[in-house]
C-alpha atoms as a PDB file:
ATOM      1  CA  MET A   1     -12.200   3.971  14.431  1.00  0.00           C
ATOM      2  CA  LYS A   2     -13.196   0.477  13.300  1.00  0.00           C
ATOM      3  CA  LYS A   3     -14.863   1.848  10.157  1.00  0.00           C
ATOM      4  CA  ALA A   4     -11.688   3.710   9.261  1.00  0.00           C
ATOM      5  CA  CYS A   5      -9.551   0.581   9.672  1.00  0.00           C
ATOM      6  CA  ARG A   6     -11.964  -1.511   7.635  1.00  0.00           C
ATOM      7  CA  MET A   7     -12.019   1.122   4.878  1.00  0.00           C
ATOM      8  CA  ILE A   8      -8.210   1.252   4.703  1.00  0.00           C
ATOM      9  CA  ILE A   9      -7.992  -2.534   4.498  1.00  0.00           C
ATOM     10  CA  ILE A  10     -10.499  -2.619   1.632  1.00  0.00           C
ATOM     11  CA  ILE A  11      -8.691   0.181  -0.239  1.00  0.00           C
ATOM     12  CA  ASN A  12      -5.299  -1.525   0.183  1.00  0.00           C
ATOM     13  CA  ILE A  13      -6.609  -4.906  -0.981  1.00  0.00           C
ATOM     14  CA  CYS A  14      -8.327  -3.367  -4.019  1.00  0.00           C
ATOM     15  CA  GLY A  15      -5.257  -1.299  -4.958  1.00  0.00           C
ATOM     16  CA  LEU A  16      -2.913  -4.247  -4.586  1.00  0.00           C
ATOM     17  CA  THR A  17      -5.189  -6.563  -6.562  1.00  0.00           C
ATOM     18  CA  LEU A  18      -5.665  -4.052  -9.370  1.00  0.00           C
ATOM     19  CA  SER A  19      -1.976  -3.223  -9.671  1.00  0.00           C
ATOM     20  CA  MET A  20      -0.947  -6.884  -9.599  1.00  0.00           C
ATOM     21  CA  GLY A  21      -3.522  -7.635 -12.299  1.00  0.00           C
ATOM     22  CA  LEU A  22      -2.047  -4.854 -14.428  1.00  0.00           C
ATOM     23  CA  PHE A  23       1.506  -6.121 -13.841  1.00  0.00           C
ATOM     24  CA  LEU A  24       0.579  -9.673 -14.804  1.00  0.00           C
ATOM     25  CA  SER A  25      -1.343  -8.568 -17.888  1.00  0.00           C
ATOM     26  CA  SER A  26       1.588  -6.393 -18.993  1.00  0.00           C
ATOM     27  CA  ILE A  27       3.967  -9.342 -18.615  1.00  0.00           C
ATOM     28  CA  ILE A  28       1.670 -11.608 -20.631  1.00  0.00           C
ATOM     29  CA  ILE A  29       1.113  -9.013 -23.379  1.00  0.00           C
ATOM     30  CA  ASN A  30       4.828  -8.242 -23.474  1.00  0.00           C
ATOM     31  CA  LEU A  31       5.779 -11.884 -23.876  1.00  0.00           C
ATOM     32  CA  ILE A  32       3.125 -12.418 -26.560  1.00  0.00           C
ATOM     33  CA  LYS A  33       4.047  -9.301 -28.564  1.00  0.00           C
ATOM     34  CA  ASN A  34       7.807  -9.148 -28.162  1.00  0.00           C
ATOM     35  CA  GLY A  35       9.054 -12.279 -26.486  1.00  0.00           C
ATOM     36  CA  GLN A  36      11.086 -10.086 -24.128  1.00  0.00           C
ATOM     37  CA  PHE A  37      10.671  -7.349 -21.524  1.00  0.00           C
ATOM     38  CA  GLN A  38      10.778  -3.619 -22.268  1.00  0.00           C
ATOM     39  CA  ASN A  39      11.622  -0.624 -20.129  1.00  0.00           C
ATOM     40  CA  LEU A  40       8.840   1.284 -18.412  1.00  0.00           C
ATOM     41  CA  PRO A  41       7.783   4.533 -20.129  1.00  0.00           C
ATOM     42  CA  ASN A  42       7.998   7.976 -18.591  1.00  0.00           C
ATOM     43  CA  LEU A  43       4.838   9.973 -17.914  1.00  0.00           C
ATOM     44  CA  ASP A  44       4.922  11.656 -21.333  1.00  0.00           C
ATOM     45  CA  GLU A  45       4.770   8.299 -23.120  1.00  0.00           C
ATOM     46  CA  LEU A  46       2.338   6.665 -20.672  1.00  0.00           C
ATOM     47  CA  PHE A  47      -0.954   7.674 -22.319  1.00  0.00           C
ATOM     48  CA  TYR A  48       0.352   6.903 -25.804  1.00  0.00           C
ATOM     49  CA  LYS A  49       1.450   3.429 -24.744  1.00  0.00           C
ATOM     50  CA  LEU A  50      -1.806   2.821 -22.879  1.00  0.00           C
ATOM     51  CA  SER A  51      -3.887   3.802 -25.913  1.00  0.00           C
ATOM     52  CA  ASN A  52      -1.908   1.312 -28.018  1.00  0.00           C
ATOM     53  CA  VAL A  53      -2.158  -1.400 -25.324  1.00  0.00           C
ATOM     54  CA  GLU A  54       1.602  -1.602 -24.996  1.00  0.00           C
ATOM     55  CA  PRO A  55       2.937  -3.600 -22.029  1.00  0.00           C
ATOM     56  CA  GLY A  56       5.152  -0.827 -20.694  1.00  0.00           C
ATOM     57  CA  GLY A  57       2.184   1.511 -20.365  1.00  0.00           C
ATOM     58  CA  ILE A  58       0.118  -1.096 -18.555  1.00  0.00           C
ATOM     59  CA  ALA A  59       2.964  -1.821 -16.124  1.00  0.00           C
ATOM     60  CA  ALA A  60       3.499   1.904 -15.496  1.00  0.00           C
ATOM     61  CA  LEU A  61      -0.207   2.318 -14.752  1.00  0.00           C
ATOM     62  CA  GLY A  62       0.085  -0.566 -12.286  1.00  0.00           C
ATOM     63  CA  ILE A  63       2.958   1.230 -10.551  1.00  0.00           C
ATOM     64  CA  ILE A  64       0.987   4.483 -10.371  1.00  0.00           C
ATOM     65  CA  ILE A  65      -1.998   2.667  -8.845  1.00  0.00           C
ATOM     66  CA  LEU A  66       0.273   0.873  -6.388  1.00  0.00           C
ATOM     67  CA  LEU A  67       1.810   4.176  -5.289  1.00  0.00           C
ATOM     68  CA  ALA A  68      -1.562   5.944  -5.080  1.00  0.00           C
ATOM     69  CA  THR A  69      -3.210   3.262  -2.937  1.00  0.00           C
ATOM     70  CA  PRO A  70      -1.759   4.321   0.455  1.00  0.00           C
ATOM     71  CA  ILE A  71      -2.426   7.977  -0.328  1.00  0.00           C
ATOM     72  CA  ILE A  72      -6.079   7.217  -1.098  1.00  0.00           C
ATOM     73  CA  GLY A  73      -6.232   5.168   2.107  1.00  0.00           C
ATOM     74  CA  LEU A  74      -4.833   8.093   4.083  1.00  0.00           C
ATOM     75  CA  ILE A  75      -7.366  10.498   2.561  1.00  0.00           C
ATOM     76  CA  SER A  76     -10.287   8.162   3.314  1.00  0.00           C
ATOM     77  CA  ASN A  77      -8.951   7.657   6.834  1.00  0.00           C
ATOM     78  CA  SER A  78      -8.857  11.427   7.358  1.00  0.00           C
ATOM     79  CA  ILE A  79     -12.457  11.741   6.206  1.00  0.00           C
ATOM     80  CA  GLN A  80     -13.590   8.947   8.510  1.00  0.00           C
ATOM     81  CA  LEU A  81     -11.694  10.373  11.488  1.00  0.00           C
ATOM     82  CA  PHE A  82     -13.287  13.767  10.838  1.00  0.00           C
ATOM     83  CA  ARG A  83     -16.742  12.176  10.774  1.00  0.00           C
ATOM     84  CA  GLU A  84     -16.012  10.453  14.083  1.00  0.00           C
ATOM     85  CA  GLY A  85     -14.925  13.756  15.647  1.00  0.00           C
ATOM     86  CA  ASP A  86     -11.306  12.751  16.291  1.00  0.00           C
ATOM     87  CA  ASN A  87      -9.724  16.147  15.631  1.00  0.00           C
ATOM     88  CA  PHE A  88      -6.157  15.299  16.689  1.00  0.00           C
ATOM     89  CA  TYR A  89      -5.715  12.363  14.305  1.00  0.00           C
ATOM     90  CA  THR A  90      -7.622  14.200  11.573  1.00  0.00           C
ATOM     91  CA  MET A  91      -5.117  17.053  11.745  1.00  0.00           C
ATOM     92  CA  ALA A  92      -2.187  14.622  11.890  1.00  0.00           C
ATOM     93  CA  SER A  93      -3.486  12.862   8.767  1.00  0.00           C
ATOM     94  CA  LEU A  94      -3.970  16.171   6.965  1.00  0.00           C
ATOM     95  CA  VAL A  95      -0.403  17.214   7.802  1.00  0.00           C
ATOM     96  CA  VAL A  96       0.912  13.946   6.337  1.00  0.00           C
ATOM     97  CA  ILE A  97      -1.239  14.454   3.213  1.00  0.00           C
ATOM     98  CA  ALA A  98       0.125  18.009   2.881  1.00  0.00           C
ATOM     99  CA  ILE A  99       3.711  16.748   3.154  1.00  0.00           C
ATOM    100  CA  ILE A 100       3.137  14.047   0.541  1.00  0.00           C
ATOM    101  CA  GLY A 101       1.345  16.512  -1.752  1.00  0.00           C
ATOM    102  CA  THR A 102       4.179  19.035  -1.433  1.00  0.00           C
ATOM    103  CA  ALA A 103       6.756  16.357  -2.234  1.00  0.00           C
ATOM    104  CA  ILE A 104       4.793  15.272  -5.316  1.00  0.00           C
ATOM    105  CA  VAL A 105       4.380  18.836  -6.580  1.00  0.00           C
ATOM    106  CA  LEU A 106       8.047  19.681  -6.028  1.00  0.00           C
ATOM    107  CA  ASN A 107       9.074  16.495  -7.816  1.00  0.00           C
ATOM    108  CA  ILE A 108       6.864  17.229 -10.818  1.00  0.00           C
ATOM    109  CA  ILE A 109       7.971  20.839 -11.146  1.00  0.00           C
END
């Protein structure tokens, strides 16, 4: 169980650091380019804005990474619990992942 906790801590720190770096860089680029803040793009515009290094795209990517971090932590925790033979918590984690996945799919469709 200690390996699973350590792995989740590392994933959360990396996700938070990366997303905060993206937020700060989007603020700096936005202030340099426009002198003001812009709205965040929707998913259709995200890749276009990222390819043009637009601040809204960078900030949206930061939000996506921030939202994905706990899900990645939960998936890695499930894998580690499975390796340790803890079937009850592995199944509980998989049920939570299934619920989150269903919510994401139903929201996208």
